Amino acid sequence: MEKIIERLLYRARWLLAPIYLGLSFALLALGVKFFQEVFHLILHVLEMKEADMVLVVLSLIDMAMVGGLIIMVMMSGYENFVSALDVDEGEEKLSWLGTMDSSSLKAKIAASIVAISSIHLLKVFMNAENLESEKMKWYVILHITFVVSAFAMGFLDILAARAKRAAS
């Protein structure tokens, strides 16, 4: 009975595969939105104020970073929790594939969230005259929360690694 339960639990990891595949559809939707913004920028570049153009470009950067985050989670998550990716000999392989464990993936996700939050906060500051100070204060508090959380996770990972080395 124990052997059957263990086999079922081990094979249940494949239930994550459709979720990681679903992230590729989210990436496709993000790509559509990205090029919609690029098309809008090209059509209106001559009539836009510089500040408005910078806001659009920051939105594009934001979307590109979210896209990178989706790829990182999709591929590393699949490789860490489902199955190793079999990349053909002649095919290009991403240098970080196979090197990220769940701890380093978590750190990269936290760093990406902080970077995305930073860009969003910069957009908020550039549009500060149209925003009430109370709302801006909450944006800053939220961003600081992301920064502190990422820092704390990194610190805890360092402590865990030291404890692991000390135990061995």
Protein backbone atom coordinates (compact mmCIF):
# COMPACT_ATOMS: atom_id res chain seq x y z
CA MET A 1 0.00 0.00 0.00
CA GLU A 2 2.79 2.42 0.93
CA LYS A 3 4.55 1.78 -2.39
CA ILE A 4 1.36 2.57 -4.34
CA ILE A 5 0.79 5.83 -2.44
CA GLU A 6 4.40 6.89 -2.99
CA ARG A 7 4.17 6.12 -6.72
CA LEU A 8 0.92 8.10 -6.99
CA LEU A 9 2.38 11.06 -5.10
CA TYR A 10 5.48 11.03 -7.29
CA ARG A 11 3.46 10.88 -10.50
CA ALA A 12 1.10 13.61 -9.28
CA ARG A 13 3.84 16.13 -10.11
CA TRP A 14 2.64 15.87 -13.72
CA LEU A 15 -0.50 17.73 -12.66
CA LEU A 16 1.72 20.84 -12.66
CA ALA A 17 2.60 20.44 -16.36
CA PRO A 18 -0.67 21.97 -17.69
CA ILE A 19 -0.22 24.86 -15.25
CA TYR A 20 3.23 25.63 -16.65
CA LEU A 21 1.85 25.27 -20.18
CA GLY A 22 -0.93 27.70 -19.21
CA LEU A 23 1.73 30.25 -18.32
CA SER A 24 2.79 30.21 -21.97
CA PHE A 25 -0.73 31.42 -22.86
CA ALA A 26 -0.36 34.20 -20.29
CA LEU A 27 2.92 35.09 -22.02
CA LEU A 28 1.14 35.18 -25.37
CA ALA A 29 -1.55 37.51 -23.94
CA LEU A 30 1.17 39.75 -22.49
CA GLY A 31 2.87 39.84 -25.91
CA VAL A 32 -0.37 40.94 -27.56
CA LYS A 33 -0.77 43.74 -24.99
CA PHE A 34 2.89 44.74 -25.42
CA PHE A 35 2.56 45.16 -29.19
CA GLN A 36 -0.76 46.96 -28.77
CA GLU A 37 1.13 49.53 -26.65
CA VAL A 38 4.01 49.70 -29.18
CA PHE A 39 1.50 50.28 -32.00
CA HIS A 40 -0.21 53.02 -29.96
CA LEU A 41 3.16 54.63 -29.23
CA ILE A 42 4.18 54.63 -32.90
CA LEU A 43 0.86 56.17 -33.98
CA HIS A 44 1.01 58.97 -31.40
CA VAL A 45 4.74 59.55 -30.89
CA LEU A 46 4.73 62.97 -32.59
CA GLU A 47 1.85 64.35 -30.53
CA MET A 48 2.84 62.88 -27.16
CA LYS A 49 4.47 64.86 -24.41
CA GLU A 50 7.87 63.58 -23.37
CA ALA A 51 6.63 62.56 -19.92
CA ASP A 52 3.75 60.58 -21.44
CA MET A 53 6.14 58.82 -23.79
CA VAL A 54 8.42 57.91 -20.90
CA LEU A 55 5.40 56.47 -19.07
CA VAL A 56 4.53 54.30 -22.08
CA VAL A 57 8.14 53.13 -22.40
CA LEU A 58 8.19 52.30 -18.68
CA SER A 59 5.01 50.26 -19.22
CA LEU A 60 6.76 48.39 -22.04
CA ILE A 61 9.76 47.69 -19.81
CA ASP A 62 7.39 46.56 -17.08
CA MET A 63 5.70 44.12 -19.45
CA ALA A 64 9.06 42.81 -20.69
CA MET A 65 10.14 42.14 -17.11
CA VAL A 66 6.87 40.36 -16.33
CA GLY A 67 7.41 38.29 -19.49
CA GLY A 68 10.87 37.31 -18.29
CA LEU A 69 9.42 36.40 -14.93
CA ILE A 70 6.81 34.18 -16.60
CA ILE A 71 9.54 32.38 -18.61
CA MET A 72 11.67 31.91 -15.51
CA VAL A 73 8.81 30.48 -13.45
CA MET A 74 7.46 28.39 -16.31
CA MET A 75 10.72 26.73 -17.31
CA SER A 76 12.48 26.49 -13.95
CA GLY A 77 9.31 25.37 -12.23
CA TYR A 78 8.75 22.65 -14.81
CA GLU A 79 12.35 21.51 -14.57
CA ASN A 80 12.45 21.60 -10.75
CA PHE A 81 9.07 20.05 -10.03
CA VAL A 82 8.01 18.00 -13.07
CA SER A 83 10.76 16.78 -15.38
CA ALA A 84 14.11 17.77 -16.85
CA LEU A 85 13.81 19.55 -20.19
CA ASP A 86 15.26 17.54 -23.06
CA VAL A 87 16.84 20.08 -25.39
CA ASP A 88 18.19 18.63 -28.64
CA GLU A 89 21.94 18.75 -29.24
CA GLY A 90 21.79 21.42 -31.98
CA GLU A 91 19.18 23.52 -30.19
CA GLU A 92 20.08 26.59 -28.15
CA LYS A 93 19.82 25.97 -24.40
CA LEU A 94 19.35 28.77 -21.90
CA SER A 95 22.43 28.98 -19.70
CA TRP A 96 20.46 29.09 -16.45
CA LEU A 97 18.35 26.02 -17.16
CA GLY A 98 19.17 23.20 -14.82
CA THR A 99 21.07 25.48 -12.45
CA MET A 100 18.19 27.03 -10.51
CA ASP A 101 16.87 25.13 -7.54
CA SER A 102 13.68 26.24 -5.82
CA SER A 103 15.63 28.51 -3.46
CA SER A 104 17.41 30.42 -6.23
CA LEU A 105 14.18 30.55 -8.24
CA LYS A 106 12.44 32.10 -5.24
CA ALA A 107 15.23 34.69 -4.93
CA LYS A 108 15.05 35.58 -8.62
CA ILE A 109 11.27 35.90 -8.47
CA ALA A 110 11.54 38.19 -5.43
CA ALA A 111 14.18 40.32 -7.19
CA SER A 112 12.00 40.51 -10.31
CA ILE A 113 8.98 41.58 -8.26
CA VAL A 114 11.05 44.33 -6.63
CA ALA A 115 12.27 45.50 -10.06
CA ILE A 116 8.74 45.48 -11.49
CA SER A 117 7.48 47.33 -8.43
CA SER A 118 10.28 49.89 -8.83
CA ILE A 119 9.26 50.60 -12.41
CA HIS A 120 5.63 50.90 -11.39
CA LEU A 121 6.57 53.27 -8.56
CA LEU A 122 8.60 55.38 -10.98
CA LYS A 123 5.52 55.61 -13.22
CA VAL A 124 3.47 56.70 -10.19
CA PHE A 125 6.02 59.39 -9.29
CA MET A 126 6.10 60.68 -12.87
CA ASN A 127 2.35 61.06 -12.70
CA ALA A 128 2.41 62.46 -9.13
CA GLU A 129 0.49 65.66 -9.88
CA ASN A 130 -2.56 63.55 -10.78
CA LEU A 131 -2.39 61.39 -7.66
CA GLU A 132 -3.40 62.13 -4.10
CA SER A 133 -0.59 61.90 -1.54
CA GLU A 134 -2.38 59.24 0.54
CA LYS A 135 -2.52 56.88 -2.43
CA MET A 136 1.15 57.58 -3.26
CA LYS A 137 2.09 56.80 0.34
CA TRP A 138 0.50 53.35 0.00
CA TYR A 139 2.39 52.69 -3.24
CA VAL A 140 5.65 53.45 -1.42
CA ILE A 141 4.69 51.29 1.56
CA LEU A 142 3.81 48.40 -0.74
CA HIS A 143 7.12 48.75 -2.60
CA ILE A 144 9.09 48.86 0.66
CA THR A 145 7.22 45.73 1.76
CA PHE A 146 8.38 43.95 -1.43
CA VAL A 147 11.97 45.10 -0.86
CA VAL A 148 12.02 44.03 2.79
CA SER A 149 10.40 40.68 1.96
CA ALA A 150 12.95 39.95 -0.77
CA PHE A 151 15.78 40.95 1.53
CA ALA A 152 14.41 38.77 4.36
CA MET A 153 14.03 35.75 2.06
CA GLY A 154 17.61 36.15 0.86
CA PHE A 155 18.87 36.49 4.42
CA LEU A 156 16.95 33.39 5.53
CA ASP A 157 18.39 31.43 2.60
CA ILE A 158 21.90 32.46 3.66
CA LEU A 159 21.18 31.35 7.24
CA ALA A 160 19.78 28.03 6.02
CA ALA A 161 22.84 27.42 3.82
CA ARG A 162 25.17 28.17 6.77
CA ALA A 163 23.20 25.84 9.04
CA LYS A 164 23.35 23.10 6.40
CA ARG A 165 27.14 23.52 6.05
CA ALA A 166 27.60 23.51 9.82
CA ALA A 167 25.55 20.30 10.16
CA SER A 168 27.66 18.44 7.61
